[in-house]
Amino acid sequence: LTKIQEEMLLFRKELRTGNLDEWNAKAQLVFTAAHMDAIKENLKRSMK
């Protein structure tokens, strides 16, 4: 199993147990972190 497949299986299990709030929080954190990295990269490029 790849990492993503494992995450998806976990996700389905969490869905069944109704633990969605935690997943939403995790997704938001990951998305925000990726977004911040992209912004930093753009800033670095525009500084040059």
N, C-alpha and C. Protein backbone atom coordinates (compact mmCIF):
# COMPACT_ATOMS: atom_id res chain seq x y z
N LEU A 1 0.84 -1.22 0.00
CA LEU A 1 0.00 0.00 0.00
C LEU A 1 0.86 1.26 0.00
N THR A 2 0.48 2.20 -0.81
CA THR A 2 1.19 3.48 -0.79
C THR A 2 0.68 4.29 0.39
N LYS A 3 1.41 5.34 0.71
CA LYS A 3 1.03 6.21 1.83
C LYS A 3 -0.39 6.75 1.61
N ILE A 4 -0.67 7.18 0.38
CA ILE A 4 -1.98 7.78 0.09
C ILE A 4 -3.10 6.75 0.26
N GLN A 5 -2.85 5.52 -0.22
CA GLN A 5 -3.86 4.47 -0.07
C GLN A 5 -4.14 4.20 1.41
N GLU A 6 -3.06 4.20 2.22
CA GLU A 6 -3.23 3.99 3.66
C GLU A 6 -4.08 5.10 4.25
N GLU A 7 -3.78 6.33 3.85
CA GLU A 7 -4.54 7.48 4.34
C GLU A 7 -6.02 7.35 3.97
N MET A 8 -6.27 6.91 2.73
CA MET A 8 -7.65 6.77 2.27
C MET A 8 -8.39 5.69 3.08
N LEU A 9 -7.71 4.57 3.34
CA LEU A 9 -8.32 3.51 4.13
C LEU A 9 -8.63 4.02 5.53
N LEU A 10 -7.68 4.73 6.11
CA LEU A 10 -7.88 5.33 7.43
C LEU A 10 -9.07 6.27 7.38
N PHE A 11 -9.10 7.08 6.33
CA PHE A 11 -10.16 8.06 6.16
C PHE A 11 -11.53 7.39 6.14
N ARG A 12 -11.64 6.29 5.38
CA ARG A 12 -12.91 5.57 5.31
C ARG A 12 -13.31 5.03 6.67
N LYS A 13 -12.32 4.53 7.41
CA LYS A 13 -12.58 4.00 8.74
C LYS A 13 -13.09 5.13 9.65
N GLU A 14 -12.42 6.27 9.57
CA GLU A 14 -12.81 7.43 10.37
C GLU A 14 -14.23 7.88 10.00
N LEU A 15 -14.54 7.85 8.70
CA LEU A 15 -15.88 8.22 8.24
C LEU A 15 -16.93 7.34 8.91
N ARG A 16 -16.63 6.04 8.95
CA ARG A 16 -17.59 5.11 9.56
C ARG A 16 -17.75 5.37 11.05
N THR A 17 -16.66 5.76 11.71
CA THR A 17 -16.75 6.01 13.15
C THR A 17 -17.19 7.43 13.45
N GLY A 18 -17.41 8.20 12.38
CA GLY A 18 -17.94 9.55 12.55
C GLY A 18 -16.95 10.53 13.14
N ASN A 19 -15.66 10.32 12.85
CA ASN A 19 -14.63 11.18 13.42
C ASN A 19 -14.21 12.26 12.42
N LEU A 20 -15.19 12.89 11.78
CA LEU A 20 -14.90 13.81 10.68
C LEU A 20 -14.30 15.14 11.11
N ASP A 21 -14.69 15.63 12.27
CA ASP A 21 -14.17 16.93 12.71
C ASP A 21 -12.66 16.93 12.77
N GLU A 22 -12.11 15.85 13.32
CA GLU A 22 -10.66 15.73 13.43
C GLU A 22 -10.02 15.73 12.05
N TRP A 23 -10.65 15.02 11.11
CA TRP A 23 -10.12 14.95 9.75
C TRP A 23 -10.16 16.32 9.08
N ASN A 24 -11.26 17.04 9.27
CA ASN A 24 -11.37 18.37 8.68
C ASN A 24 -10.28 19.28 9.22
N ALA A 25 -10.03 19.17 10.52
CA ALA A 25 -8.99 19.98 11.15
C ALA A 25 -7.62 19.65 10.55
N LYS A 26 -7.34 18.35 10.39
CA LYS A 26 -6.07 17.92 9.81
C LYS A 26 -5.92 18.43 8.38
N ALA A 27 -6.99 18.28 7.60
CA ALA A 27 -6.96 18.71 6.21
C ALA A 27 -6.69 20.21 6.11
N GLN A 28 -7.35 20.98 6.98
CA GLN A 28 -7.15 22.43 6.99
C GLN A 28 -5.70 22.77 7.28
N LEU A 29 -5.11 22.08 8.27
CA LEU A 29 -3.72 22.33 8.64
C LEU A 29 -2.78 22.04 7.49
N VAL A 30 -2.99 20.89 6.85
CA VAL A 30 -2.13 20.50 5.72
C VAL A 30 -2.27 21.50 4.58
N PHE A 31 -3.51 21.86 4.27
CA PHE A 31 -3.77 22.80 3.19
C PHE A 31 -3.13 24.15 3.49
N THR A 32 -3.31 24.62 4.72
CA THR A 32 -2.76 25.92 5.11
C THR A 32 -1.24 25.91 5.03
N ALA A 33 -0.62 24.84 5.51
CA ALA A 33 0.84 24.73 5.48
C ALA A 33 1.34 24.77 4.03
N ALA A 34 0.68 24.04 3.14
CA ALA A 34 1.08 24.01 1.74
C ALA A 34 0.90 25.39 1.12
N HIS A 35 -0.18 26.04 1.48
CA HIS A 35 -0.50 27.36 0.97
C HIS A 35 0.57 28.37 1.40
N MET A 36 0.95 28.31 2.67
CA MET A 36 1.97 29.21 3.20
C MET A 36 3.30 29.01 2.48
N ASP A 37 3.67 27.74 2.24
CA ASP A 37 4.90 27.45 1.51
C ASP A 37 4.87 28.07 0.13
N ALA A 38 3.74 27.95 -0.55
CA ALA A 38 3.60 28.50 -1.90
C ALA A 38 3.75 30.02 -1.87
N ILE A 39 3.15 30.65 -0.87
CA ILE A 39 3.25 32.11 -0.75
C ILE A 39 4.70 32.53 -0.51
N LYS A 40 5.39 31.80 0.37
CA LYS A 40 6.80 32.10 0.64
C LYS A 40 7.63 31.99 -0.63
N GLU A 41 7.39 30.91 -1.39
CA GLU A 41 8.11 30.71 -2.65
C GLU A 41 7.88 31.88 -3.60
N ASN A 42 6.64 32.29 -3.74
CA ASN A 42 6.30 33.41 -4.62
C ASN A 42 6.98 34.68 -4.17
N LEU A 43 7.02 34.90 -2.86
CA LEU A 43 7.68 36.09 -2.32
C LEU A 43 9.17 36.07 -2.65
N LYS A 44 9.80 34.90 -2.45
CA LYS A 44 11.22 34.77 -2.75
C LYS A 44 11.49 35.11 -4.21
N ARG A 45 10.65 34.58 -5.10
CA ARG A 45 10.83 34.82 -6.53
C ARG A 45 10.67 36.30 -6.87
N SER A 46 9.67 36.93 -6.27
CA SER A 46 9.42 38.34 -6.60
C SER A 46 10.48 39.26 -6.01
N MET A 47 11.20 38.80 -4.99
CA MET A 47 12.27 39.60 -4.38
C MET A 47 13.48 39.70 -5.30
N LYS A 48 13.70 38.63 -6.09
CA LYS A 48 14.89 38.56 -6.95
C LYS A 48 14.90 39.65 -8.01
